[in-house]
Amino acid sequence: MVTEDLELVKQIFSLVESGIVSGYDAFRYEAEVFEGYMREQLSVENNGVEVTNAERDFNGAILYRLLRELKNNAVKRGEDWAVFIMSCRRGGEVKANFEY
């Protein structure tokens, strides 16, 4: 991952993290990006309970644009990933991974 990608990942984290309405102890965000749309899943753990239907409030269009840009950068480098995965435990480090 290059510096430009790191900045995109930081923006994606900020958008997702700030959009989790009821708070979290940990979360995992997965996205598959296609031309014109994406499939995503947000799993949130709060007080020991994990849910996949947590209330969220973030702009999907902005998130799609950031993910599309991240994917386009990877494709230019010959790293065409299929799934972007971001996970974080409160107070811990943010992890970003890709499935190919």
C-alpha atoms as a PDB file:
ATOM      1  CA  MET A   1       0.000   0.000   0.000  1.00  0.00           C
ATOM      2  CA  VAL A   2       1.392   3.398  -0.963  1.00  0.00           C
ATOM      3  CA  THR A   3       1.085   6.730   0.838  1.00  0.00           C
ATOM      4  CA  GLU A   4      -1.910   7.841  -1.237  1.00  0.00           C
ATOM      5  CA  ASP A   5      -3.714   4.600  -0.353  1.00  0.00           C
ATOM      6  CA  LEU A   6      -2.946   5.082   3.331  1.00  0.00           C
ATOM      7  CA  GLU A   7      -4.666   8.470   3.229  1.00  0.00           C
ATOM      8  CA  LEU A   8      -7.721   6.884   1.571  1.00  0.00           C
ATOM      9  CA  VAL A   9      -7.835   4.149   4.226  1.00  0.00           C
ATOM     10  CA  LYS A  10      -7.671   6.815   6.960  1.00  0.00           C
ATOM     11  CA  GLN A  11     -10.619   8.625   5.356  1.00  0.00           C
ATOM     12  CA  ILE A  12     -12.588   5.381   5.041  1.00  0.00           C
ATOM     13  CA  PHE A  13     -11.905   4.587   8.708  1.00  0.00           C
ATOM     14  CA  SER A  14     -12.973   8.052   9.800  1.00  0.00           C
ATOM     15  CA  LEU A  15     -16.222   7.843   7.835  1.00  0.00           C
ATOM     16  CA  VAL A  16     -17.150   4.339   9.029  1.00  0.00           C
ATOM     17  CA  GLU A  17     -16.039   4.856  12.640  1.00  0.00           C
ATOM     18  CA  SER A  18     -17.894   8.143  13.056  1.00  0.00           C
ATOM     19  CA  GLY A  19     -21.011   6.656  11.460  1.00  0.00           C
ATOM     20  CA  ILE A  20     -21.505   3.858  13.999  1.00  0.00           C
ATOM     21  CA  VAL A  21     -24.414   5.412  15.901  1.00  0.00           C
ATOM     22  CA  SER A  22     -24.494   3.426  19.160  1.00  0.00           C
ATOM     23  CA  GLY A  23     -20.757   3.151  19.704  1.00  0.00           C
ATOM     24  CA  TYR A  24     -18.593   0.059  19.539  1.00  0.00           C
ATOM     25  CA  ASP A  25     -15.964  -2.000  21.299  1.00  0.00           C
ATOM     26  CA  ALA A  26     -14.842  -3.445  17.946  1.00  0.00           C
ATOM     27  CA  PHE A  27     -15.983  -3.412  14.344  1.00  0.00           C
ATOM     28  CA  ARG A  28     -15.257  -5.135  11.055  1.00  0.00           C
ATOM     29  CA  TYR A  29     -16.183  -3.523   7.740  1.00  0.00           C
ATOM     30  CA  GLU A  30     -16.061  -5.506   4.478  1.00  0.00           C
ATOM     31  CA  ALA A  31     -16.704  -4.134   1.001  1.00  0.00           C
ATOM     32  CA  GLU A  32     -16.753  -5.572  -2.504  1.00  0.00           C
ATOM     33  CA  VAL A  33     -16.519  -2.741  -5.036  1.00  0.00           C
ATOM     34  CA  PHE A  34     -18.042  -3.018  -8.494  1.00  0.00           C
ATOM     35  CA  GLU A  35     -18.676  -0.520 -11.281  1.00  0.00           C
ATOM     36  CA  GLY A  36     -21.455   1.720  -9.974  1.00  0.00           C
ATOM     37  CA  TYR A  37     -22.206  -0.145  -6.740  1.00  0.00           C
ATOM     38  CA  MET A  38     -20.734  -2.034  -3.796  1.00  0.00           C
ATOM     39  CA  ARG A  39     -21.711  -4.813  -1.411  1.00  0.00           C
ATOM     40  CA  GLU A  40     -20.801  -4.190   2.175  1.00  0.00           C
ATOM     41  CA  GLN A  41     -21.195  -5.592   5.656  1.00  0.00           C
ATOM     42  CA  LEU A  42     -20.540  -3.894   8.960  1.00  0.00           C
ATOM     43  CA  SER A  43     -20.227  -6.100  12.043  1.00  0.00           C
ATOM     44  CA  VAL A  44     -20.197  -4.208  15.335  1.00  0.00           C
ATOM     45  CA  GLU A  45     -19.356  -5.578  18.772  1.00  0.00           C
ATOM     46  CA  ASN A  46     -20.620  -3.574  21.725  1.00  0.00           C
ATOM     47  CA  ASN A  47     -20.682  -4.788  25.345  1.00  0.00           C
ATOM     48  CA  GLY A  48     -19.826  -8.316  24.219  1.00  0.00           C
ATOM     49  CA  VAL A  49     -22.664  -8.556  21.684  1.00  0.00           C
ATOM     50  CA  GLU A  50     -21.901  -8.675  17.948  1.00  0.00           C
ATOM     51  CA  VAL A  51     -24.496  -7.510  15.437  1.00  0.00           C
ATOM     52  CA  THR A  52     -24.502  -7.064  11.671  1.00  0.00           C
ATOM     53  CA  ASN A  53     -27.477  -4.694  11.615  1.00  0.00           C
ATOM     54  CA  ALA A  54     -26.031  -1.895  13.761  1.00  0.00           C
ATOM     55  CA  GLU A  55     -27.480   1.532  13.140  1.00  0.00           C
ATOM     56  CA  ARG A  56     -25.131   3.609  11.041  1.00  0.00           C
ATOM     57  CA  ASP A  57     -25.101   7.093   9.663  1.00  0.00           C
ATOM     58  CA  PHE A  58     -22.539   7.725   6.961  1.00  0.00           C
ATOM     59  CA  ASN A  59     -22.671   8.893   3.384  1.00  0.00           C
ATOM     60  CA  GLY A  60     -22.573   5.805   1.170  1.00  0.00           C
ATOM     61  CA  ALA A  61     -21.723   7.839  -1.935  1.00  0.00           C
ATOM     62  CA  ILE A  62     -18.605   9.278  -0.314  1.00  0.00           C
ATOM     63  CA  LEU A  63     -17.640   5.840   0.980  1.00  0.00           C
ATOM     64  CA  TYR A  64     -18.113   4.337  -2.491  1.00  0.00           C
ATOM     65  CA  ARG A  65     -15.966   7.079  -4.062  1.00  0.00           C
ATOM     66  CA  LEU A  66     -13.137   6.460  -1.574  1.00  0.00           C
ATOM     67  CA  LEU A  67     -13.280   2.683  -2.053  1.00  0.00           C
ATOM     68  CA  ARG A  68     -13.461   3.042  -5.843  1.00  0.00           C
ATOM     69  CA  GLU A  69     -10.366   5.270  -5.781  1.00  0.00           C
ATOM     70  CA  LEU A  70      -8.544   2.777  -3.529  1.00  0.00           C
ATOM     71  CA  LYS A  71      -9.426  -0.085  -5.874  1.00  0.00           C
ATOM     72  CA  ASN A  72      -8.441   1.875  -9.002  1.00  0.00           C
ATOM     73  CA  ASN A  73      -5.043   2.633  -7.459  1.00  0.00           C
ATOM     74  CA  ALA A  74      -4.536  -1.076  -6.742  1.00  0.00           C
ATOM     75  CA  VAL A  75      -5.560  -2.077 -10.274  1.00  0.00           C
ATOM     76  CA  LYS A  76      -2.984   0.344 -11.716  1.00  0.00           C
ATOM     77  CA  ARG A  77      -0.329  -1.508  -9.707  1.00  0.00           C
ATOM     78  CA  GLY A  78      -1.613  -4.920 -10.814  1.00  0.00           C
ATOM     79  CA  GLU A  79      -3.141  -5.671  -7.378  1.00  0.00           C
ATOM     80  CA  ASP A  80      -6.807  -6.121  -8.252  1.00  0.00           C
ATOM     81  CA  TRP A  81      -8.295  -7.083  -4.889  1.00  0.00           C
ATOM     82  CA  ALA A  82     -11.820  -8.455  -4.588  1.00  0.00           C
ATOM     83  CA  VAL A  83     -12.693  -7.491  -0.993  1.00  0.00           C
ATOM     84  CA  PHE A  84     -11.490  -4.679   1.276  1.00  0.00           C
ATOM     85  CA  ILE A  85     -11.613  -5.501   4.993  1.00  0.00           C
ATOM     86  CA  MET A  86     -11.068  -3.056   7.836  1.00  0.00           C
ATOM     87  CA  SER A  87     -11.204  -3.991  11.497  1.00  0.00           C
ATOM     88  CA  CYS A  88     -10.601  -2.142  14.708  1.00  0.00           C
ATOM     89  CA  ARG A  89     -10.906  -2.718  18.431  1.00  0.00           C
ATOM     90  CA  ARG A  90     -11.417   0.497  20.414  1.00  0.00           C
ATOM     91  CA  GLY A  91      -8.052   1.704  21.639  1.00  0.00           C
ATOM     92  CA  GLY A  92      -6.234  -0.723  19.324  1.00  0.00           C
ATOM     93  CA  GLU A  93      -4.774  -0.420  15.895  1.00  0.00           C
ATOM     94  CA  VAL A  94      -6.796  -0.253  12.702  1.00  0.00           C
ATOM     95  CA  LYS A  95      -6.147  -3.195  10.376  1.00  0.00           C
ATOM     96  CA  ALA A  96      -6.800  -3.046   6.649  1.00  0.00           C
ATOM     97  CA  ASN A  97      -6.606  -6.205   4.560  1.00  0.00           C
ATOM     98  CA  PHE A  98      -7.481  -7.266   1.056  1.00  0.00           C
ATOM     99  CA  GLU A  99      -8.797 -10.547  -0.316  1.00  0.00           C
ATOM    100  CA  TYR A 100      -7.677 -11.358  -3.843  1.00  0.00           C
END
